Protein backbone atom coordinates (compact mmCIF):
# COMPACT_ATOMS: atom_id res chain seq x y z
CA MET A 1 6.33 18.86 19.84
CA THR A 2 9.86 17.59 20.57
CA HIS A 3 12.09 19.64 22.85
CA PHE A 4 15.86 20.16 22.47
CA ASP A 5 18.45 22.42 24.00
CA VAL A 6 19.66 23.53 20.56
CA ILE A 7 18.19 23.41 17.06
CA VAL A 8 20.66 23.93 14.22
CA ILE A 9 19.12 24.74 10.85
CA GLY A 10 21.53 23.69 8.09
CA CYS A 11 24.46 21.32 8.18
CA GLY A 12 27.31 22.89 6.28
CA PRO A 13 30.58 23.58 8.13
CA ALA A 14 29.10 26.27 10.39
CA GLY A 15 26.06 24.24 11.41
CA GLU A 16 28.03 21.04 11.80
CA ARG A 17 30.56 22.63 14.19
CA ALA A 18 27.87 24.40 16.18
CA ALA A 19 25.99 21.15 16.62
CA ILE A 20 29.04 19.10 17.64
CA TYR A 21 30.33 21.81 19.99
CA ALA A 22 26.99 22.06 21.79
CA ALA A 23 26.55 18.29 21.97
CA ARG A 24 30.05 17.82 23.40
CA ALA A 25 28.96 20.17 26.19
CA GLY A 26 26.14 17.83 27.05
CA LYS A 27 23.35 19.66 25.20
CA ARG A 28 20.56 17.85 23.40
CA VAL A 29 20.95 18.88 19.77
CA ALA A 30 18.76 18.57 16.69
CA VAL A 31 19.92 19.38 13.15
CA ILE A 32 17.44 20.17 10.36
CA GLU A 33 18.85 19.74 6.85
CA ARG A 34 16.77 20.36 3.73
CA HIS A 35 18.98 18.21 1.50
CA ALA A 36 19.15 14.43 1.57
CA VAL A 37 22.82 14.55 2.56
CA LEU A 38 24.79 16.44 5.18
CA GLY A 39 27.88 18.59 4.56
CA GLY A 40 26.41 21.51 2.68
CA THR A 41 28.21 23.25 -0.17
CA ARG A 42 31.61 22.48 1.36
CA VAL A 43 31.29 18.74 0.78
CA ASN A 44 28.74 18.33 -1.98
CA TRP A 45 28.93 21.19 -4.50
CA GLY A 46 31.75 23.59 -3.64
CA THR A 47 34.95 23.42 -1.68
CA ILE A 48 35.94 19.75 -1.85
CA PRO A 49 34.63 18.99 -5.37
CA SER A 50 36.19 22.14 -6.90
CA LYS A 51 39.54 21.64 -5.15
CA THR A 52 39.59 17.99 -6.29
CA LEU A 53 39.02 19.19 -9.85
CA ARG A 54 41.82 21.69 -9.36
CA GLU A 55 44.31 18.96 -8.46
CA SER A 56 43.29 17.01 -11.54
CA ALA A 57 43.71 20.13 -13.69
CA LEU A 58 47.21 20.66 -12.28
CA LEU A 59 48.09 17.07 -13.16
CA VAL A 60 46.79 17.48 -16.72
CA ARG A 61 48.70 20.73 -17.16
CA GLY A 62 51.84 19.15 -15.74
CA LEU A 63 51.59 16.25 -18.20
CA SER A 64 51.03 18.58 -21.14
CA ARG A 65 53.81 21.02 -20.18
CA GLY A 66 56.30 18.88 -18.35
CA ARG A 67 59.31 17.45 -20.08
CA VAL A 68 61.39 14.73 -18.41
CA TYR A 69 64.21 13.30 -20.48
CA GLY A 70 63.45 9.76 -21.62
CA ILE A 71 59.84 9.82 -20.41
CA GLN A 72 56.76 10.50 -22.50
CA CYS A 73 53.27 10.92 -21.08
CA GLY A 74 49.98 11.13 -22.90
CA LEU A 75 46.22 10.84 -22.50
CA GLU A 76 44.54 7.69 -23.77
CA HIS A 77 41.33 9.42 -24.79
CA PRO A 78 39.66 12.85 -24.56
CA LEU A 79 39.07 13.67 -20.91
CA THR A 80 35.64 14.14 -19.43
CA ILE A 81 34.64 15.86 -16.20
CA ALA A 82 33.73 12.41 -14.83
CA ASP A 83 37.33 11.27 -15.44
CA LEU A 84 38.67 14.22 -13.50
CA MET A 85 36.22 13.86 -10.63
CA ARG A 86 36.56 10.15 -9.82
CA HIS A 87 38.74 10.81 -6.75
CA GLU A 88 36.24 13.42 -5.52
CA GLN A 89 33.64 10.75 -4.82
CA ALA A 90 35.96 8.97 -2.37
CA VAL A 91 36.90 12.22 -0.63
CA VAL A 92 33.28 13.30 -0.27
CA GLN A 93 32.25 9.89 0.99
CA ARG A 94 34.94 9.96 3.65
CA GLU A 95 33.92 13.45 4.80
CA LEU A 96 30.30 12.36 5.10
CA GLU A 97 31.33 9.28 7.06
CA LEU A 98 33.26 11.42 9.52
CA THR A 99 30.30 13.76 10.01
CA ASN A 100 27.87 10.87 10.51
CA GLU A 101 30.24 9.21 12.99
CA ALA A 102 30.53 12.41 15.03
CA PHE A 103 26.77 12.94 15.04
CA SER A 104 26.23 9.35 16.14
CA ARG A 105 28.87 9.63 18.88
CA TYR A 106 27.29 12.73 20.37
CA ARG A 107 23.71 11.59 19.74
CA ILE A 108 22.80 14.49 17.52
CA GLN A 109 19.43 13.87 15.90
CA VAL A 110 19.10 14.75 12.21
CA PHE A 111 15.79 15.67 10.56
CA HIS A 112 15.49 16.16 6.82
CA GLY A 113 13.12 18.74 5.38
CA GLN A 114 12.61 22.48 5.02
CA ALA A 115 12.79 24.37 8.33
CA ARG A 116 10.36 27.20 8.99
CA PHE A 117 9.91 29.26 12.14
CA ALA A 118 6.49 28.96 13.78
CA ASP A 119 7.48 31.28 16.64
CA PRO A 120 10.79 32.39 18.23
CA ASN A 121 11.34 29.03 19.92
CA THR A 122 9.54 26.63 17.57
CA VAL A 123 10.68 25.36 14.15
CA SER A 124 8.41 23.38 11.88
CA ILE A 125 9.76 20.77 9.46
CA ILE A 126 7.94 21.08 6.14
CA GLY A 127 7.57 18.08 3.83
CA SER A 128 7.93 18.01 0.04
CA GLU A 129 4.23 18.76 -0.46
CA GLY A 130 4.15 21.65 1.96
CA GLN A 131 2.70 19.78 4.92
CA ILE A 132 4.03 20.21 8.49
CA ARG A 133 5.65 16.93 9.35
CA MET A 134 6.63 17.81 12.89
CA ARG A 135 7.65 20.66 15.18
CA LEU A 136 10.78 21.08 17.28
CA CYS A 137 11.25 23.47 20.19
CA ALA A 138 14.47 24.83 21.75
CA GLU A 139 15.74 27.68 23.88
CA THR A 140 18.66 28.24 21.47
CA ILE A 141 18.43 28.14 17.67
CA VAL A 142 21.25 28.47 15.14
CA ILE A 143 20.60 29.55 11.52
CA ALA A 144 23.34 28.02 9.37
CA THR A 145 21.55 27.66 6.06
CA GLY A 146 24.44 28.93 3.91
CA ALA A 147 24.12 30.76 0.59
CA SER A 148 23.41 29.90 -3.03
CA PRO A 149 24.66 31.35 -6.32
CA ASN A 150 22.79 34.43 -7.47
CA ARG A 151 20.64 33.54 -10.50
CA PRO A 152 19.27 36.61 -12.34
CA VAL A 153 15.99 35.94 -14.14
CA ASP A 154 17.38 37.23 -17.45
CA VAL A 155 20.20 34.68 -17.52
CA PRO A 156 19.00 31.41 -19.14
CA PHE A 157 20.48 28.83 -16.76
CA ASP A 158 19.89 25.45 -18.34
CA GLY A 159 22.61 23.18 -17.00
CA GLU A 160 23.71 22.51 -20.58
CA VAL A 161 25.45 25.68 -21.79
CA VAL A 162 24.74 28.15 -18.94
CA PHE A 163 25.85 27.17 -15.45
CA ASP A 164 26.28 28.55 -11.95
CA SER A 165 29.00 27.49 -9.49
CA ASN A 166 26.78 24.71 -8.06
CA SER A 167 25.98 23.13 -11.43
CA ILE A 168 29.26 23.65 -13.37
CA LEU A 169 30.66 20.34 -12.12
CA SER A 170 27.82 18.51 -13.86
CA LEU A 171 29.40 19.29 -17.25
CA LYS A 172 29.20 16.10 -19.29
CA LYS A 173 32.34 16.86 -21.31
CA ILE A 174 35.16 19.36 -21.31
CA PRO A 175 34.33 22.28 -23.61
CA HIS A 176 36.76 24.01 -25.95
CA SER A 177 35.80 27.50 -24.78
CA ALA A 178 34.01 29.20 -21.90
CA VAL A 179 32.96 32.64 -20.72
CA VAL A 180 33.11 33.27 -16.97
CA LEU A 181 30.99 36.17 -15.72
CA GLY A 182 32.27 37.41 -12.35
CA ALA A 183 35.85 37.64 -11.14
CA GLY A 184 35.32 37.08 -7.43
CA VAL A 185 37.03 34.19 -5.64
CA ILE A 186 34.84 31.54 -7.24
CA GLY A 187 35.12 33.02 -10.71
CA VAL A 188 38.90 33.35 -10.50
CA GLU A 189 39.31 29.82 -9.15
CA TYR A 190 37.20 28.21 -11.87
CA THR A 191 38.80 30.36 -14.57
CA SER A 192 42.29 29.19 -13.65
CA ILE A 193 41.17 25.57 -13.30
CA LEU A 194 39.47 25.51 -16.70
CA ALA A 195 42.40 27.33 -18.32
CA ALA A 196 44.79 24.70 -16.89
CA LEU A 197 42.72 22.08 -18.75
CA GLY A 198 43.44 23.90 -22.00
CA ILE A 199 40.05 25.58 -22.32
CA GLU A 200 39.94 29.01 -23.95
CA ILE A 201 38.57 31.33 -21.25
CA THR A 202 37.26 34.88 -21.28
CA LEU A 203 36.80 36.24 -17.75
CA VAL A 204 34.50 39.25 -17.39
CA ASP A 205 35.28 41.27 -14.25
CA THR A 206 32.60 43.70 -13.14
CA ARG A 207 35.24 45.72 -11.26
CA LYS A 208 38.11 47.88 -12.53
CA ASP A 209 40.74 45.85 -10.65
CA LEU A 210 41.06 42.13 -10.16
CA LEU A 211 40.17 41.17 -6.56
CA PRO A 212 40.69 44.75 -5.25
CA TYR A 213 41.13 43.69 -1.63
CA LEU A 214 44.31 41.77 -2.51
CA ASP A 215 47.69 43.44 -2.22
CA ARG A 216 48.01 44.96 -5.69
CA GLU A 217 51.44 43.46 -6.39
CA ILE A 218 50.08 39.99 -5.56
CA ALA A 219 46.99 40.58 -7.74
CA GLU A 220 49.16 41.67 -10.64
CA ILE A 221 51.21 38.48 -10.42
CA LEU A 222 48.03 36.39 -10.34
CA GLN A 223 46.69 38.20 -13.38
CA ARG A 224 49.99 37.79 -15.21
CA GLU A 225 50.04 34.03 -14.56
CA MET A 226 46.41 33.67 -15.68
CA CYS A 227 47.26 35.48 -18.92
CA ARG A 228 50.12 33.04 -19.42
CA ASP A 229 47.43 30.35 -19.49
CA LYS A 230 45.80 32.39 -22.28
CA VAL A 231 42.96 33.78 -20.17
CA VAL A 232 41.42 36.90 -21.74
CA LEU A 233 40.43 39.27 -18.92
CA LEU A 234 37.90 42.07 -19.44
CA HIS A 235 37.68 44.61 -16.62
CA ASP A 236 34.86 46.96 -15.65
CA ASP A 237 32.28 45.18 -17.75
CA HIS A 238 29.03 43.30 -17.20
CA TYR A 239 26.60 41.28 -19.26
CA GLU A 240 23.87 43.10 -21.16
CA ARG A 241 22.26 39.99 -22.56
CA VAL A 242 22.90 36.25 -22.52
CA GLU A 243 21.56 34.07 -25.33
CA ARG A 244 21.55 30.37 -26.02
CA ILE A 245 22.72 29.60 -29.56
CA ALA A 246 20.79 26.71 -31.06
CA GLY A 247 22.82 23.93 -32.66
CA ASN A 248 24.23 20.49 -32.21
CA PRO A 249 25.83 21.02 -29.82
CA PRO A 250 24.32 24.33 -28.62
CA ALA A 251 26.49 27.26 -27.53
CA VAL A 252 26.09 30.57 -25.71
CA ARG A 253 26.46 34.24 -26.66
CA CYS A 254 27.09 37.02 -24.15
CA LEU A 255 26.71 40.66 -25.13
CA THR A 256 28.34 43.05 -22.64
CA ARG A 257 27.66 46.65 -21.66
CA GLN A 258 31.02 47.66 -23.18
CA GLY A 259 29.91 46.28 -26.54
CA ASN A 260 31.81 43.00 -26.49
CA VAL A 261 30.18 40.01 -28.15
CA LEU A 262 31.46 36.79 -26.59
CA GLU A 263 30.60 33.37 -27.92
CA ALA A 264 31.62 30.11 -26.33
CA ASP A 265 30.64 26.49 -25.75
CA VAL A 266 29.55 27.22 -22.16
CA MET A 267 29.16 30.09 -19.72
CA LEU A 268 29.67 30.14 -15.96
CA TYR A 269 27.81 32.89 -14.09
CA CYS A 270 29.20 33.58 -10.61
CA VAL A 271 28.42 37.16 -9.63
CA GLY A 272 27.44 37.07 -5.99
CA ARG A 273 25.72 34.67 -3.63
CA ASP A 274 22.44 35.08 -1.75
CA GLY A 275 21.65 33.88 1.74
CA ASN A 276 19.32 30.86 1.97
CA THR A 277 16.65 32.55 4.10
CA GLY A 278 13.67 32.88 1.75
CA ASP A 279 11.73 29.88 3.13
CA LEU A 280 12.65 30.16 6.82
CA GLY A 281 9.70 32.34 7.84
CA LEU A 282 11.99 34.84 9.57
CA GLU A 283 9.22 37.43 9.47
CA ALA A 284 7.47 35.38 12.14
CA VAL A 285 10.30 36.02 14.60
CA GLY A 286 11.16 39.63 13.76
CA ILE A 287 14.35 38.98 11.80
CA GLU A 288 14.70 40.85 8.50
CA PRO A 289 17.39 39.69 6.03
CA ASP A 290 18.88 42.28 3.71
CA SER A 291 18.23 42.46 -0.04
CA ARG A 292 20.64 39.57 -0.61
CA GLY A 293 19.00 37.37 2.01
CA LEU A 294 21.85 37.81 4.47
CA VAL A 295 21.22 38.00 8.23
CA GLU A 296 22.73 40.72 10.38
CA VAL A 297 24.44 39.61 13.61
CA ASN A 298 26.42 41.16 16.45
CA GLU A 299 29.95 40.21 17.52
CA PHE A 300 28.57 37.10 19.26
CA TYR A 301 26.60 36.05 16.13
CA GLN A 302 23.26 36.87 17.76
CA THR A 303 20.42 38.08 15.50
CA ALA A 304 17.69 40.55 16.46
CA GLN A 305 16.42 37.72 18.66
CA PRO A 306 19.28 37.14 21.18
CA HIS A 307 18.60 33.39 21.52
CA ILE A 308 18.70 32.93 17.72
CA TYR A 309 22.19 32.88 16.27
CA ALA A 310 23.30 32.99 12.61
CA VAL A 311 26.65 31.72 11.36
CA GLY A 312 28.43 30.89 8.13
CA ASP A 313 27.71 32.07 4.59
CA VAL A 314 24.21 33.22 5.57
CA ILE A 315 25.75 36.24 7.32
CA GLY A 316 28.05 37.11 4.41
CA TYR A 317 31.73 38.05 4.47
CA PRO A 318 34.19 36.39 4.78
CA ALA A 319 32.19 33.24 3.89
CA LEU A 320 35.15 30.87 4.31
CA VAL A 321 34.90 27.31 5.54
CA SER A 322 37.47 27.93 8.27
CA THR A 323 35.78 31.09 9.56
CA SER A 324 32.32 29.52 9.31
CA MET A 325 33.41 26.63 11.51
CA GLU A 326 34.83 29.02 14.09
CA GLN A 327 31.66 31.12 14.02
CA GLY A 328 29.63 28.01 14.86
CA ARG A 329 31.87 27.20 17.80
CA ARG A 330 31.92 30.78 19.08
CA ALA A 331 28.15 31.08 18.92
CA MET A 332 27.76 28.02 21.13
CA ARG A 333 30.43 29.22 23.52
CA HIS A 334 28.51 32.44 23.97
CA ALA A 335 25.10 30.78 24.19
CA PHE A 336 26.13 28.43 26.98
CA ASP A 337 29.05 30.33 28.50
CA LEU A 338 31.46 27.53 27.56
CA PRO A 339 35.24 27.77 27.90
CA GLY A 340 37.32 27.50 24.79
CA LEU A 341 40.12 28.83 22.68
CA THR A 342 39.73 32.35 21.38
CA THR A 343 40.75 33.50 17.94
CA VAL A 344 42.16 36.80 16.76
CA LYS A 345 39.99 38.07 13.90
CA GLU A 346 42.86 40.05 12.41
CA ALA A 347 44.94 36.87 12.20
CA LEU A 348 42.48 34.88 10.06
CA PRO A 349 44.12 33.71 6.83
CA PHE A 350 42.40 34.22 3.50
CA ALA A 351 42.95 31.76 0.65
CA ILE A 352 42.15 31.65 -3.04
CA TYR A 353 42.73 28.24 -4.62
CA SER A 354 43.44 29.61 -8.03
CA ILE A 355 46.38 28.55 -10.19
CA PRO A 356 48.67 29.85 -8.79
CA GLU A 357 47.37 29.92 -5.20
CA VAL A 358 46.98 33.19 -3.33
CA SER A 359 46.84 33.65 0.42
CA TYR A 360 47.30 36.43 2.92
CA VAL A 361 46.94 37.54 6.51
CA GLY A 362 47.05 41.05 7.93
CA ASP A 363 47.36 44.38 6.10
CA ALA A 364 48.06 44.85 2.41
CA GLU A 365 50.40 47.58 1.17
CA HIS A 366 47.56 49.79 -0.07
CA THR A 367 45.69 49.53 3.23
CA LEU A 368 48.81 50.67 5.10
CA GLN A 369 49.09 53.59 2.71
CA GLU A 370 45.45 54.52 3.25
CA LYS A 371 46.01 54.50 7.04
CA GLY A 372 49.11 56.65 6.65
CA GLU A 373 51.36 54.07 8.30
CA ARG A 374 55.06 53.88 7.54
CA TYR A 375 56.24 50.42 6.54
CA VAL A 376 59.08 48.40 5.08
CA VAL A 377 58.66 45.67 2.47
CA GLY A 378 60.62 42.43 2.23
CA ARG A 379 60.24 40.01 -0.64
CA GLY A 380 61.10 36.35 -1.08
CA ARG A 381 61.00 35.31 -4.72
CA TYR A 382 60.32 31.78 -5.84
CA ALA A 383 62.76 32.31 -8.73
CA LEU A 384 65.62 32.71 -6.24
CA ASN A 385 64.50 29.82 -4.02
CA PRO A 386 65.86 26.32 -4.82
CA ARG A 387 62.55 24.65 -3.99
CA GLY A 388 60.71 27.11 -6.21
CA GLN A 389 63.06 26.27 -9.05
CA ILE A 390 62.65 22.54 -8.49
CA LEU A 391 58.85 22.97 -8.64
CA GLY A 392 59.22 24.97 -11.83
CA ASP A 393 57.48 27.97 -10.25
CA THR A 394 59.60 31.03 -10.98
CA GLY A 395 56.78 33.56 -10.79
CA GLY A 396 55.75 33.12 -7.16
CA LEU A 397 56.32 35.70 -4.44
CA LEU A 398 56.20 35.95 -0.64
CA LYS A 399 55.75 39.54 0.49
CA LEU A 400 56.18 40.67 4.10
CA LEU A 401 55.20 44.10 5.43
CA PHE A 402 56.78 45.48 8.59
CA ASP A 403 56.28 48.57 10.70
CA SER A 404 59.18 50.90 9.84
CA GLU A 405 59.96 51.76 13.48
CA SER A 406 59.49 48.54 15.44
CA MET A 407 59.89 46.22 12.42
CA ARG A 408 56.90 44.25 13.70
CA LEU A 409 55.15 42.12 11.08
CA LEU A 410 51.99 43.80 9.71
CA GLY A 411 51.05 41.64 6.77
CA VAL A 412 51.94 38.46 4.93
CA HIS A 413 51.04 37.91 1.26
CA ALA A 414 51.87 34.94 -0.94
CA VAL A 415 51.19 33.94 -4.53
CA GLY A 416 52.55 30.74 -6.00
CA THR A 417 52.75 26.99 -5.40
CA HIS A 418 51.56 26.00 -1.89
CA ALA A 419 50.85 29.65 -0.95
CA CYS A 420 47.79 28.48 1.01
CA GLU A 421 50.06 26.25 3.10
CA ILE A 422 53.05 28.48 3.73
CA ILE A 423 50.76 31.31 4.81
CA HIS A 424 50.28 29.54 8.13
CA THR A 425 53.90 30.14 9.05
CA GLY A 426 53.22 33.80 8.40
CA GLN A 427 50.01 33.58 10.41
CA ALA A 428 51.94 32.25 13.41
CA TYR A 429 54.52 35.03 13.13
CA PHE A 430 51.73 37.60 12.76
CA ARG A 431 49.90 36.40 15.88
CA MET A 432 53.06 36.45 18.00
CA LYS A 433 53.86 39.99 16.78
CA ALA A 434 57.21 38.81 15.46
CA THR A 435 59.77 41.29 14.12
CA ALA A 436 61.85 41.02 10.99
CA ARG A 437 64.82 40.08 13.18
CA ASP A 438 62.84 37.23 14.76
CA ILE A 439 62.01 35.82 11.34
CA ALA A 440 65.47 36.38 9.86
CA SER A 441 67.09 34.50 12.74
CA ALA A 442 65.00 31.34 12.14
CA ILE A 443 66.51 28.32 10.40
CA PHE A 444 64.31 26.56 7.82
CA ASN A 445 64.73 23.25 6.03
CA TYR A 446 66.71 23.34 2.80
CA PRO A 447 65.42 23.36 0.18
CA SER A 448 62.00 24.62 1.23
CA LEU A 449 59.57 27.35 0.28
CA SER A 450 59.40 28.29 3.95
CA ASP A 451 62.94 29.66 3.63
CA LEU A 452 61.32 32.51 1.68
CA PHE A 453 60.40 34.00 5.06
CA ARG A 454 64.03 34.34 6.09
CA HIS A 455 65.04 35.91 2.79
CA ALA A 456 62.11 38.34 2.86
CA ALA A 457 62.90 39.37 6.44
CA LEU A 458 66.58 39.84 5.63
CA GLU A 459 65.68 42.07 2.68
CA ALA A 460 63.37 44.14 4.91
CA LEU A 461 66.10 44.57 7.50
CA GLY A 462 68.48 45.72 4.78
CA ARG A 463 65.94 48.23 3.48
CA SER A 464 65.30 49.50 7.00
CA ARG A 465 69.00 50.06 7.56
CA LEU A 466 69.33 52.00 4.33
CA HIS A 467 66.36 54.19 5.21
CA ARG A 468 67.85 54.96 8.62
CA GLU A 469 71.09 55.94 6.98
CA GLY A 470 69.16 58.30 4.68
CA LYS A 471 69.82 56.26 1.58
CA HIS A 472 67.40 54.89 -1.00
CA SER A 473 67.08 51.18 -1.79
C-alpha cells in the first residue's frame, strides 16, 4: 500500500489540471491512467487531432475555391487522411512533452493500468490480465476518467466503413461520400470538416432543430453555410438499421425511421457519449452513475462521498476542455481550502469548431423571450466589415443582446471566421457588465473583425432610441 494526499484517476484535461494544482500546493499526488499515454481524448483522439484536420480541410477548400490572378494551385496526388494529419503528430507530441515536464517538475507519480476502488480511500491498479498490481491510498480522490462515444450493439462498428468519433481519424483514405448520424457538436464539426474536403455528406439530426440551444438566427446561418458546402441535412430522424454492404471496397447502408435509405462509402455515428465509469467499482464506495455512466456532483464537484470528487466529461454537460480544466482546479481548491481565482459560470464561452465557427456567451434571444425579458438586438455583419470582405467571409454575423432599459450586455453570439477568438472580447464585456454605450465608445484596429462589436453596439443604441421615441426599426 502506497499513501498519497491525492489520487487522480484519469489524465485528460480535468485530471491533469487537478493533479498539477494539488501538487503545486505541496500535495503528494498520484495519477492513474489506463492508456499508455497521457492527455486523454483532448490530445490523442479528439480536440487537437480533429482541429488539426479542420485546419487542413480549410486549406484544401481554400485552394480549390480561391482564385488569385496569375497564381494556380493544385494537388499533386489524391489526398489521404495521413497527408492531412502530418502536422497533428507534432502538435500532439509537444502537448505530451509539456504534460510530462509539468508532472516531472511537481513530482507527480504516474501509474498505468485500470483503476478500481477497493474501499472509499483505496484504489487498486488492475493489470491487463485482471490481476491487482498494487494499491494506492489517499484522503482525497478525483475521478476524471472522461467519456467515450456511445456504441449501440445494433450498429456494426468495424473501423472500415462504420466509425465513431474516436476511430474516424483512422480512415485510410478520403471517401467520396459519408453519412453522419447525430448532429451534436461533434457531428456538426466533422460534417463541416468532411464537406470542406469535397465529400458528399448526409447529416441525420435526431432533433427537429439544429443545435437547439444556439441562438436560432446563428443556427440558421450555420445551417445555410453547411448547405452551401452541399451538406444534405435530415431533421427529426434516427437510424432504424445500419448494414455493411459487401464489395471491394465495402460500403454502408443506413435505413432511417422516416423511411430514408442512405448509402455511402462510410458512416460516422456520434449520438451521445457515455461516462467511463463501468470498471471503476463505484458500487464499492456507494456512488451510483446514471444510465449513461455519468457521475452526479454538487457545486464543489463532490460525489456522494465528500472526499471523492468527479470532474470533466464524466459528469456530463458542458464537457468542454476549458470547463473541465477549471473543474479540476476548483475541486482541488475546495478539497484543500486553497486560494485562487474564481470564475463566473454564466460567463463561460461555448465554442463549436465547425466551418464556419460558432461561439457564444450569455443568453440567446429565445431564452430571453422565454424569461419574458425585454431586450434590444445589435448586429455586426461580416459582409459590411472590411476584414470580413478581405477574408472572403460575407455570411458571418456578430449578434449582441442588451437589456432594453439599462442597455447592459446580456448575450454575445458569433458565427463566421475566427468566431471562437472574437468571442473573448464579448466575454470580457459580458463579465464587466458593459453597456452598449461602453462598447460603442471603444476604438478597434482597422481593419479588424473586432470592430464588429462597435457596429453592433451602435445599431443597438439606434434601435433603443427609436423604441423610446415610439417608432419601429
